[in-house]
mmCIF file of all heavy atoms, coordinates in Angstrom:
data_MODEL
# 
_entry.id   MODEL 
# 
loop_
_atom_site.group_PDB 
_atom_site.id 
_atom_site.type_symbol 
_atom_site.label_atom_id 
_atom_site.label_alt_id 
_atom_site.label_comp_id 
_atom_site.label_asym_id 
_atom_site.label_entity_id 
_atom_site.label_seq_id 
_atom_site.pdbx_PDB_ins_code 
_atom_site.Cartn_x 
_atom_site.Cartn_y 
_atom_site.Cartn_z 
_atom_site.occupancy 
_atom_site.B_iso_or_equiv 
_atom_site.pdbx_formal_charge 
_atom_site.auth_seq_id 
_atom_site.auth_comp_id 
_atom_site.auth_asym_id 
_atom_site.auth_atom_id 
_atom_site.pdbx_PDB_model_num 
ATOM 1   N N   . VAL A 1 1  ? 88.093  99.861  85.973  1.00 0.00 ? 1  VAL A N   1 
ATOM 2   C CA  . VAL A 1 1  ? 89.182  100.891 85.904  1.00 0.00 ? 1  VAL A CA  1 
ATOM 3   C C   . VAL A 1 1  ? 88.865  101.987 86.940  1.00 0.00 ? 1  VAL A C   1 
ATOM 4   O O   . VAL A 1 1  ? 87.897  102.713 86.762  1.00 0.00 ? 1  VAL A O   1 
ATOM 5   C CB  . VAL A 1 1  ? 89.328  101.494 84.461  1.00 0.00 ? 1  VAL A CB  1 
ATOM 6   C CG1 . VAL A 1 1  ? 90.504  102.471 84.516  1.00 0.00 ? 1  VAL A CG1 1 
ATOM 7   C CG2 . VAL A 1 1  ? 89.577  100.443 83.470  1.00 0.00 ? 1  VAL A CG2 1 
ATOM 8   N N   . GLU A 1 2  ? 89.710  101.994 87.979  1.00 0.00 ? 2  GLU A N   1 
ATOM 9   C CA  . GLU A 1 2  ? 89.540  103.018 89.010  1.00 0.00 ? 2  GLU A CA  1 
ATOM 10  C C   . GLU A 1 2  ? 90.283  104.345 88.723  1.00 0.00 ? 2  GLU A C   1 
ATOM 11  O O   . GLU A 1 2  ? 91.372  104.247 87.935  1.00 0.00 ? 2  GLU A O   1 
ATOM 12  C CB  . GLU A 1 2  ? 90.086  102.505 90.406  1.00 0.00 ? 2  GLU A CB  1 
ATOM 13  C CG  . GLU A 1 2  ? 89.466  101.314 90.913  1.00 0.00 ? 2  GLU A CG  1 
ATOM 14  C CD  . GLU A 1 2  ? 90.123  100.022 90.598  1.00 0.00 ? 2  GLU A CD  1 
ATOM 15  O OE1 . GLU A 1 2  ? 90.920  100.092 89.551  1.00 0.00 ? 2  GLU A OE1 1 
ATOM 16  O OE2 . GLU A 1 2  ? 89.939  99.052  91.267  1.00 0.00 ? 2  GLU A OE2 1 
ATOM 17  N N   . SER A 1 3  ? 89.866  105.418 89.166  1.00 0.00 ? 3  SER A N   1 
ATOM 18  C CA  . SER A 1 3  ? 90.551  106.667 88.969  1.00 0.00 ? 3  SER A CA  1 
ATOM 19  C C   . SER A 1 3  ? 90.206  107.579 90.100  1.00 0.00 ? 3  SER A C   1 
ATOM 20  O O   . SER A 1 3  ? 89.231  107.382 90.856  1.00 0.00 ? 3  SER A O   1 
ATOM 21  C CB  . SER A 1 3  ? 90.227  107.358 87.574  1.00 0.00 ? 3  SER A CB  1 
ATOM 22  O OG  . SER A 1 3  ? 88.797  107.591 87.537  1.00 0.00 ? 3  SER A OG  1 
ATOM 23  N N   . GLY A 1 4  ? 90.944  108.675 90.241  1.00 0.00 ? 4  GLY A N   1 
ATOM 24  C CA  . GLY A 1 4  ? 90.557  109.772 91.188  1.00 0.00 ? 4  GLY A CA  1 
ATOM 25  C C   . GLY A 1 4  ? 91.446  109.809 92.441  1.00 0.00 ? 4  GLY A C   1 
ATOM 26  O O   . GLY A 1 4  ? 91.209  110.680 93.251  1.00 0.00 ? 4  GLY A O   1 
ATOM 27  N N   . GLY A 1 5  ? 92.382  108.836 92.640  1.00 0.00 ? 5  GLY A N   1 
ATOM 28  C CA  . GLY A 1 5  ? 93.237  108.918 93.738  1.00 0.00 ? 5  GLY A CA  1 
ATOM 29  C C   . GLY A 1 5  ? 94.236  110.011 93.647  1.00 0.00 ? 5  GLY A C   1 
ATOM 30  O O   . GLY A 1 5  ? 94.297  110.765 92.658  1.00 0.00 ? 5  GLY A O   1 
ATOM 31  N N   . GLY A 1 6  ? 94.994  110.209 94.792  1.00 0.00 ? 6  GLY A N   1 
ATOM 32  C CA  . GLY A 1 6  ? 96.023  111.220 94.739  1.00 0.00 ? 6  GLY A CA  1 
ATOM 33  C C   . GLY A 1 6  ? 96.514  111.538 96.140  1.00 0.00 ? 6  GLY A C   1 
ATOM 34  O O   . GLY A 1 6  ? 96.201  110.737 97.142  1.00 0.00 ? 6  GLY A O   1 
ATOM 35  N N   . LEU A 1 7  ? 97.178  112.605 96.278  1.00 0.00 ? 7  LEU A N   1 
ATOM 36  C CA  . LEU A 1 7  ? 97.629  113.084 97.578  1.00 0.00 ? 7  LEU A CA  1 
ATOM 37  C C   . LEU A 1 7  ? 96.795  114.242 98.091  1.00 0.00 ? 7  LEU A C   1 
ATOM 38  O O   . LEU A 1 7  ? 96.449  115.203 97.441  1.00 0.00 ? 7  LEU A O   1 
ATOM 39  C CB  . LEU A 1 7  ? 99.089  113.677 97.454  1.00 0.00 ? 7  LEU A CB  1 
ATOM 40  C CG  . LEU A 1 7  ? 99.741  114.291 98.644  1.00 0.00 ? 7  LEU A CG  1 
ATOM 41  C CD1 . LEU A 1 7  ? 99.940  113.310 99.835  1.00 0.00 ? 7  LEU A CD1 1 
ATOM 42  C CD2 . LEU A 1 7  ? 101.040 114.941 98.231  1.00 0.00 ? 7  LEU A CD2 1 
ATOM 43  N N   . VAL A 1 8  ? 96.369  114.081 99.383  1.00 0.00 ? 8  VAL A N   1 
ATOM 44  C CA  . VAL A 1 8  ? 95.457  114.995 99.966  1.00 0.00 ? 8  VAL A CA  1 
ATOM 45  C C   . VAL A 1 8  ? 95.820  115.248 101.425 1.00 0.00 ? 8  VAL A C   1 
ATOM 46  O O   . VAL A 1 8  ? 96.322  114.339 102.032 1.00 0.00 ? 8  VAL A O   1 
ATOM 47  C CB  . VAL A 1 8  ? 93.996  114.645 99.810  1.00 0.00 ? 8  VAL A CB  1 
ATOM 48  C CG1 . VAL A 1 8  ? 93.743  113.276 100.588 1.00 0.00 ? 8  VAL A CG1 1 
ATOM 49  C CG2 . VAL A 1 8  ? 92.986  115.604 100.269 1.00 0.00 ? 8  VAL A CG2 1 
ATOM 50  N N   . GLN A 1 9  ? 95.617  116.397 101.930 1.00 0.00 ? 9  GLN A N   1 
ATOM 51  C CA  . GLN A 1 9  ? 95.903  116.668 103.329 1.00 0.00 ? 9  GLN A CA  1 
ATOM 52  C C   . GLN A 1 9  ? 94.783  116.146 104.216 1.00 0.00 ? 9  GLN A C   1 
ATOM 53  O O   . GLN A 1 9  ? 93.731  115.990 103.834 1.00 0.00 ? 9  GLN A O   1 
ATOM 54  C CB  . GLN A 1 9  ? 96.060  118.266 103.505 1.00 0.00 ? 9  GLN A CB  1 
ATOM 55  C CG  . GLN A 1 9  ? 97.208  118.827 102.826 1.00 0.00 ? 9  GLN A CG  1 
ATOM 56  C CD  . GLN A 1 9  ? 97.412  120.349 103.180 1.00 0.00 ? 9  GLN A CD  1 
ATOM 57  O OE1 . GLN A 1 9  ? 96.410  120.902 103.686 1.00 0.00 ? 9  GLN A OE1 1 
ATOM 58  N NE2 . GLN A 1 9  ? 98.539  120.876 103.020 1.00 0.00 ? 9  GLN A NE2 1 
ATOM 59  N N   . PRO A 1 10 ? 95.199  115.820 105.479 1.00 0.00 ? 10 PRO A N   1 
ATOM 60  C CA  . PRO A 1 10 ? 94.255  115.375 106.450 1.00 0.00 ? 10 PRO A CA  1 
ATOM 61  C C   . PRO A 1 10 ? 93.030  116.353 106.508 1.00 0.00 ? 10 PRO A C   1 
ATOM 62  O O   . PRO A 1 10 ? 93.281  117.602 106.494 1.00 0.00 ? 10 PRO A O   1 
ATOM 63  C CB  . PRO A 1 10 ? 94.926  115.362 107.720 1.00 0.00 ? 10 PRO A CB  1 
ATOM 64  C CG  . PRO A 1 10 ? 96.400  115.078 107.320 1.00 0.00 ? 10 PRO A CG  1 
ATOM 65  C CD  . PRO A 1 10 ? 96.576  115.842 106.100 1.00 0.00 ? 10 PRO A CD  1 
ATOM 66  N N   . GLY A 1 11 ? 91.809  115.853 106.527 1.00 0.00 ? 11 GLY A N   1 
ATOM 67  C CA  . GLY A 1 11 ? 90.642  116.708 106.503 1.00 0.00 ? 11 GLY A CA  1 
ATOM 68  C C   . GLY A 1 11 ? 90.110  117.013 105.166 1.00 0.00 ? 11 GLY A C   1 
ATOM 69  O O   . GLY A 1 11 ? 88.955  117.488 104.994 1.00 0.00 ? 11 GLY A O   1 
ATOM 70  N N   . GLY A 1 12 ? 90.853  116.614 104.155 1.00 0.00 ? 12 GLY A N   1 
ATOM 71  C CA  . GLY A 1 12 ? 90.480  116.898 102.770 1.00 0.00 ? 12 GLY A CA  1 
ATOM 72  C C   . GLY A 1 12 ? 89.513  115.863 102.206 1.00 0.00 ? 12 GLY A C   1 
ATOM 73  O O   . GLY A 1 12 ? 89.139  114.860 102.935 1.00 0.00 ? 12 GLY A O   1 
ATOM 74  N N   . SER A 1 13 ? 89.186  116.059 100.963 1.00 0.00 ? 13 SER A N   1 
ATOM 75  C CA  . SER A 1 13 ? 88.210  115.113 100.223 1.00 0.00 ? 13 SER A CA  1 
ATOM 76  C C   . SER A 1 13 ? 88.858  114.603 98.852  1.00 0.00 ? 13 SER A C   1 
ATOM 77  O O   . SER A 1 13 ? 89.629  115.306 98.285  1.00 0.00 ? 13 SER A O   1 
ATOM 78  C CB  . SER A 1 13 ? 86.963  115.839 100.032 1.00 0.00 ? 13 SER A CB  1 
ATOM 79  O OG  . SER A 1 13 ? 86.322  116.282 101.168 1.00 0.00 ? 13 SER A OG  1 
ATOM 80  N N   . LEU A 1 14 ? 88.283  113.491 98.521  1.00 0.00 ? 14 LEU A N   1 
ATOM 81  C CA  . LEU A 1 14 ? 88.661  112.899 97.209  1.00 0.00 ? 14 LEU A CA  1 
ATOM 82  C C   . LEU A 1 14 ? 87.450  112.179 96.683  1.00 0.00 ? 14 LEU A C   1 
ATOM 83  O O   . LEU A 1 14 ? 86.666  111.671 97.611  1.00 0.00 ? 14 LEU A O   1 
ATOM 84  C CB  . LEU A 1 14 ? 89.857  111.928 97.228  1.00 0.00 ? 14 LEU A CB  1 
ATOM 85  C CG  . LEU A 1 14 ? 91.189  112.525 97.216  1.00 0.00 ? 14 LEU A CG  1 
ATOM 86  C CD1 . LEU A 1 14 ? 92.216  111.339 97.406  1.00 0.00 ? 14 LEU A CD1 1 
ATOM 87  C CD2 . LEU A 1 14 ? 91.588  113.313 95.987  1.00 0.00 ? 14 LEU A CD2 1 
ATOM 88  N N   . ARG A 1 15 ? 87.193  111.987 95.486  1.00 0.00 ? 15 ARG A N   1 
ATOM 89  C CA  . ARG A 1 15 ? 86.106  111.295 94.913  1.00 0.00 ? 15 ARG A CA  1 
ATOM 90  C C   . ARG A 1 15 ? 86.728  110.261 93.934  1.00 0.00 ? 15 ARG A C   1 
ATOM 91  O O   . ARG A 1 15 ? 87.322  110.632 92.929  1.00 0.00 ? 15 ARG A O   1 
ATOM 92  C CB  . ARG A 1 15 ? 85.101  112.194 94.102  1.00 0.00 ? 15 ARG A CB  1 
ATOM 93  C CG  . ARG A 1 15 ? 83.862  111.349 93.650  1.00 0.00 ? 15 ARG A CG  1 
ATOM 94  C CD  . ARG A 1 15 ? 82.990  112.232 92.780  1.00 0.00 ? 15 ARG A CD  1 
ATOM 95  N NE  . ARG A 1 15 ? 81.730  111.556 92.557  1.00 0.00 ? 15 ARG A NE  1 
ATOM 96  C CZ  . ARG A 1 15 ? 81.093  111.572 91.392  1.00 0.00 ? 15 ARG A CZ  1 
ATOM 97  N NH1 . ARG A 1 15 ? 81.756  112.068 90.332  1.00 0.00 ? 15 ARG A NH1 1 
ATOM 98  N NH2 . ARG A 1 15 ? 79.959  111.023 91.238  1.00 0.00 ? 15 ARG A NH2 1 
ATOM 99  N N   . LEU A 1 16 ? 86.602  108.926 94.196  1.00 0.00 ? 16 LEU A N   1 
ATOM 100 C CA  . LEU A 1 16 ? 87.039  107.948 93.411  1.00 0.00 ? 16 LEU A CA  1 
ATOM 101 C C   . LEU A 1 16 ? 86.037  107.448 92.450  1.00 0.00 ? 16 LEU A C   1 
ATOM 102 O O   . LEU A 1 16 ? 84.806  107.414 92.805  1.00 0.00 ? 16 LEU A O   1 
ATOM 103 C CB  . LEU A 1 16 ? 87.521  106.661 94.214  1.00 0.00 ? 16 LEU A CB  1 
ATOM 104 C CG  . LEU A 1 16 ? 88.541  106.920 95.343  1.00 0.00 ? 16 LEU A CG  1 
ATOM 105 C CD1 . LEU A 1 16 ? 88.987  105.686 95.953  1.00 0.00 ? 16 LEU A CD1 1 
ATOM 106 C CD2 . LEU A 1 16 ? 89.718  107.758 94.800  1.00 0.00 ? 16 LEU A CD2 1 
ATOM 107 N N   . SER A 1 17 ? 86.363  107.053 91.289  1.00 0.00 ? 17 SER A N   1 
ATOM 108 C CA  . SER A 1 17 ? 85.444  106.552 90.309  1.00 0.00 ? 17 SER A CA  1 
ATOM 109 C C   . SER A 1 17 ? 85.949  105.208 89.818  1.00 0.00 ? 17 SER A C   1 
ATOM 110 O O   . SER A 1 17 ? 87.197  104.918 89.843  1.00 0.00 ? 17 SER A O   1 
ATOM 111 C CB  . SER A 1 17 ? 85.422  107.502 89.073  1.00 0.00 ? 17 SER A CB  1 
ATOM 112 O OG  . SER A 1 17 ? 84.960  108.696 89.451  1.00 0.00 ? 17 SER A OG  1 
ATOM 113 N N   . CYS A 1 18 ? 84.987  104.367 89.434  1.00 0.00 ? 18 CYS A N   1 
ATOM 114 C CA  . CYS A 1 18 ? 85.333  103.020 88.866  1.00 0.00 ? 18 CYS A CA  1 
ATOM 115 C C   . CYS A 1 18 ? 84.407  102.810 87.718  1.00 0.00 ? 18 CYS A C   1 
ATOM 116 O O   . CYS A 1 18 ? 83.195  102.795 87.795  1.00 0.00 ? 18 CYS A O   1 
ATOM 117 C CB  . CYS A 1 18 ? 85.116  101.891 89.877  1.00 0.00 ? 18 CYS A CB  1 
ATOM 118 S SG  . CYS A 1 18 ? 85.277  100.291 89.228  1.00 0.00 ? 18 CYS A SG  1 
ATOM 119 N N   . ALA A 1 19 ? 84.994  102.723 86.524  1.00 0.00 ? 19 ALA A N   1 
ATOM 120 C CA  . ALA A 1 19 ? 84.256  102.458 85.266  1.00 0.00 ? 19 ALA A CA  1 
ATOM 121 C C   . ALA A 1 19 ? 84.311  100.920 84.969  1.00 0.00 ? 19 ALA A C   1 
ATOM 122 O O   . ALA A 1 19 ? 85.408  100.398 84.916  1.00 0.00 ? 19 ALA A O   1 
ATOM 123 C CB  . ALA A 1 19 ? 84.854  103.306 84.222  1.00 0.00 ? 19 ALA A CB  1 
ATOM 124 N N   . ALA A 1 20 ? 83.166  100.432 84.720  1.00 0.00 ? 20 ALA A N   1 
ATOM 125 C CA  . ALA A 1 20 ? 83.023  98.939  84.478  1.00 0.00 ? 20 ALA A CA  1 
ATOM 126 C C   . ALA A 1 20 ? 82.614  98.776  82.939  1.00 0.00 ? 20 ALA A C   1 
ATOM 127 O O   . ALA A 1 20 ? 81.997  99.560  82.414  1.00 0.00 ? 20 ALA A O   1 
ATOM 128 C CB  . ALA A 1 20 ? 81.960  98.300  85.321  1.00 0.00 ? 20 ALA A CB  1 
ATOM 129 N N   . SER A 1 21 ? 83.207  97.661  82.423  1.00 0.00 ? 21 SER A N   1 
ATOM 130 C CA  . SER A 1 21 ? 82.812  97.296  81.079  1.00 0.00 ? 21 SER A CA  1 
ATOM 131 C C   . SER A 1 21 ? 82.799  95.764  81.017  1.00 0.00 ? 21 SER A C   1 
ATOM 132 O O   . SER A 1 21 ? 83.436  95.055  81.780  1.00 0.00 ? 21 SER A O   1 
ATOM 133 C CB  . SER A 1 21 ? 83.766  97.900  80.035  1.00 0.00 ? 21 SER A CB  1 
ATOM 134 O OG  . SER A 1 21 ? 85.103  97.420  80.290  1.00 0.00 ? 21 SER A OG  1 
ATOM 135 N N   . GLY A 1 22 ? 82.040  95.251  80.003  1.00 0.00 ? 22 GLY A N   1 
ATOM 136 C CA  . GLY A 1 22 ? 81.960  93.793  79.797  1.00 0.00 ? 22 GLY A CA  1 
ATOM 137 C C   . GLY A 1 22 ? 81.011  93.099  80.594  1.00 0.00 ? 22 GLY A C   1 
ATOM 138 O O   . GLY A 1 22 ? 80.889  91.885  80.645  1.00 0.00 ? 22 GLY A O   1 
ATOM 139 N N   . ILE A 1 23 ? 80.120  93.842  81.408  1.00 0.00 ? 23 ILE A N   1 
ATOM 140 C CA  . ILE A 1 23 ? 79.154  93.260  82.310  1.00 0.00 ? 23 ILE A CA  1 
ATOM 141 C C   . ILE A 1 23 ? 77.838  94.116  82.127  1.00 0.00 ? 23 ILE A C   1 
ATOM 142 O O   . ILE A 1 23 ? 77.853  95.226  81.731  1.00 0.00 ? 23 ILE A O   1 
ATOM 143 C CB  . ILE A 1 23 ? 79.555  93.211  83.712  1.00 0.00 ? 23 ILE A CB  1 
ATOM 144 C CG1 . ILE A 1 23 ? 79.792  94.673  84.284  1.00 0.00 ? 23 ILE A CG1 1 
ATOM 145 C CG2 . ILE A 1 23 ? 80.795  92.394  83.917  1.00 0.00 ? 23 ILE A CG2 1 
ATOM 146 C CD1 . ILE A 1 23 ? 80.013  94.678  85.822  1.00 0.00 ? 23 ILE A CD1 1 
ATOM 147 N N   . ILE A 1 24 ? 76.745  93.444  82.537  1.00 0.00 ? 24 ILE A N   1 
ATOM 148 C CA  . ILE A 1 24 ? 75.509  94.117  82.712  1.00 0.00 ? 24 ILE A CA  1 
ATOM 149 C C   . ILE A 1 24 ? 75.549  94.764  84.137  1.00 0.00 ? 24 ILE A C   1 
ATOM 150 O O   . ILE A 1 24 ? 75.131  94.138  85.101  1.00 0.00 ? 24 ILE A O   1 
ATOM 151 C CB  . ILE A 1 24 ? 74.297  93.239  82.519  1.00 0.00 ? 24 ILE A CB  1 
ATOM 152 C CG1 . ILE A 1 24 ? 74.420  92.534  81.211  1.00 0.00 ? 24 ILE A CG1 1 
ATOM 153 C CG2 . ILE A 1 24 ? 72.986  93.968  82.585  1.00 0.00 ? 24 ILE A CG2 1 
ATOM 154 C CD1 . ILE A 1 24 ? 73.351  91.451  80.930  1.00 0.00 ? 24 ILE A CD1 1 
ATOM 155 N N   . PHE A 1 25 ? 76.075  95.943  84.155  1.00 0.00 ? 25 PHE A N   1 
ATOM 156 C CA  . PHE A 1 25 ? 76.497  96.592  85.373  1.00 0.00 ? 25 PHE A CA  1 
ATOM 157 C C   . PHE A 1 25 ? 75.396  96.533  86.443  1.00 0.00 ? 25 PHE A C   1 
ATOM 158 O O   . PHE A 1 25 ? 75.593  96.406  87.598  1.00 0.00 ? 25 PHE A O   1 
ATOM 159 C CB  . PHE A 1 25 ? 77.086  97.960  85.132  1.00 0.00 ? 25 PHE A CB  1 
ATOM 160 C CG  . PHE A 1 25 ? 77.494  98.762  86.310  1.00 0.00 ? 25 PHE A CG  1 
ATOM 161 C CD1 . PHE A 1 25 ? 78.769  98.527  86.866  1.00 0.00 ? 25 PHE A CD1 1 
ATOM 162 C CD2 . PHE A 1 25 ? 76.676  99.721  86.846  1.00 0.00 ? 25 PHE A CD2 1 
ATOM 163 C CE1 . PHE A 1 25 ? 79.146  99.265  88.018  1.00 0.00 ? 25 PHE A CE1 1 
ATOM 164 C CE2 . PHE A 1 25 ? 77.090  100.442 88.023  1.00 0.00 ? 25 PHE A CE2 1 
ATOM 165 C CZ  . PHE A 1 25 ? 78.351  100.189 88.484  1.00 0.00 ? 25 PHE A CZ  1 
ATOM 166 N N   . GLY A 1 26 ? 74.204  96.866  86.031  1.00 0.00 ? 26 GLY A N   1 
ATOM 167 C CA  . GLY A 1 26 ? 73.143  97.170  86.948  1.00 0.00 ? 26 GLY A CA  1 
ATOM 168 C C   . GLY A 1 26 ? 72.686  95.922  87.738  1.00 0.00 ? 26 GLY A C   1 
ATOM 169 O O   . GLY A 1 26 ? 71.938  96.020  88.668  1.00 0.00 ? 26 GLY A O   1 
ATOM 170 N N   . LEU A 1 27 ? 73.159  94.752  87.384  1.00 0.00 ? 27 LEU A N   1 
ATOM 171 C CA  . LEU A 1 27 ? 72.779  93.512  88.006  1.00 0.00 ? 27 LEU A CA  1 
ATOM 172 C C   . LEU A 1 27 ? 73.561  93.159  89.287  1.00 0.00 ? 27 LEU A C   1 
ATOM 173 O O   . LEU A 1 27 ? 73.192  92.393  90.080  1.00 0.00 ? 27 LEU A O   1 
ATOM 174 C CB  . LEU A 1 27 ? 72.923  92.326  87.129  1.00 0.00 ? 27 LEU A CB  1 
ATOM 175 C CG  . LEU A 1 27 ? 72.040  92.317  85.773  1.00 0.00 ? 27 LEU A CG  1 
ATOM 176 C CD1 . LEU A 1 27 ? 72.389  91.018  85.013  1.00 0.00 ? 27 LEU A CD1 1 
ATOM 177 C CD2 . LEU A 1 27 ? 70.561  92.348  86.269  1.00 0.00 ? 27 LEU A CD2 1 
ATOM 178 N N   . TYR A 1 28 ? 74.705  93.908  89.402  1.00 0.00 ? 28 TYR A N   1 
ATOM 179 C CA  . TYR A 1 28 ? 75.670  93.436  90.419  1.00 0.00 ? 28 TYR A CA  1 
ATOM 180 C C   . TYR A 1 28 ? 75.843  94.458  91.630  1.00 0.00 ? 28 TYR A C   1 
ATOM 181 O O   . TYR A 1 28 ? 75.799  95.665  91.424  1.00 0.00 ? 28 TYR A O   1 
ATOM 182 C CB  . TYR A 1 28 ? 77.005  93.293  89.784  1.00 0.00 ? 28 TYR A CB  1 
ATOM 183 C CG  . TYR A 1 28 ? 76.968  92.169  88.730  1.00 0.00 ? 28 TYR A CG  1 
ATOM 184 C CD1 . TYR A 1 28 ? 76.924  92.448  87.358  1.00 0.00 ? 28 TYR A CD1 1 
ATOM 185 C CD2 . TYR A 1 28 ? 77.017  90.766  89.154  1.00 0.00 ? 28 TYR A CD2 1 
ATOM 186 C CE1 . TYR A 1 28 ? 76.795  91.471  86.421  1.00 0.00 ? 28 TYR A CE1 1 
ATOM 187 C CE2 . TYR A 1 28 ? 76.951  89.773  88.213  1.00 0.00 ? 28 TYR A CE2 1 
ATOM 188 C CZ  . TYR A 1 28 ? 76.905  90.101  86.821  1.00 0.00 ? 28 TYR A CZ  1 
ATOM 189 O OH  . TYR A 1 28 ? 76.793  89.121  85.917  1.00 0.00 ? 28 TYR A OH  1 
ATOM 190 N N   . THR A 1 29 ? 76.031  93.853  92.770  1.00 0.00 ? 29 THR A N   1 
ATOM 191 C CA  . THR A 1 29 ? 76.588  94.553  93.953  1.00 0.00 ? 29 THR A CA  1 
ATOM 192 C C   . THR A 1 29 ? 77.996  94.983  93.685  1.00 0.00 ? 29 THR A C   1 
ATOM 193 O O   . THR A 1 29 ? 78.816  94.109  93.253  1.00 0.00 ? 29 THR A O   1 
ATOM 194 C CB  . THR A 1 29 ? 76.479  93.779  95.221  1.00 0.00 ? 29 THR A CB  1 
ATOM 195 O OG1 . THR A 1 29 ? 75.127  93.577  95.536  1.00 0.00 ? 29 THR A OG1 1 
ATOM 196 C CG2 . THR A 1 29 ? 77.107  94.404  96.363  1.00 0.00 ? 29 THR A CG2 1 
ATOM 197 N N   . MET A 1 30 ? 78.287  96.171  93.861  1.00 0.00 ? 30 MET A N   1 
ATOM 198 C CA  . MET A 1 30 ? 79.660  96.786  93.674  1.00 0.00 ? 30 MET A CA  1 
ATOM 199 C C   . MET A 1 30 ? 80.269  97.078  95.046  1.00 0.00 ? 30 MET A C   1 
ATOM 200 O O   . MET A 1 30 ? 79.591  97.609  95.932  1.00 0.00 ? 30 MET A O   1 
ATOM 201 C CB  . MET A 1 30 ? 79.710  97.942  92.774  1.00 0.00 ? 30 MET A CB  1 
ATOM 202 C CG  . MET A 1 30 ? 79.138  97.694  91.469  1.00 0.00 ? 30 MET A CG  1 
ATOM 203 S SD  . MET A 1 30 ? 80.030  96.470  90.472  1.00 0.00 ? 30 MET A SD  1 
ATOM 204 C CE  . MET A 1 30 ? 81.670  97.304  90.303  1.00 0.00 ? 30 MET A CE  1 
# 
């Protein structure tokens, strides 16, 4: 599940997040 997108002006910043479930997350390249 991704989140954090939106509208931003050129030169601005955003931080996207992705929450994982149902896997042993630490084993995988993301």
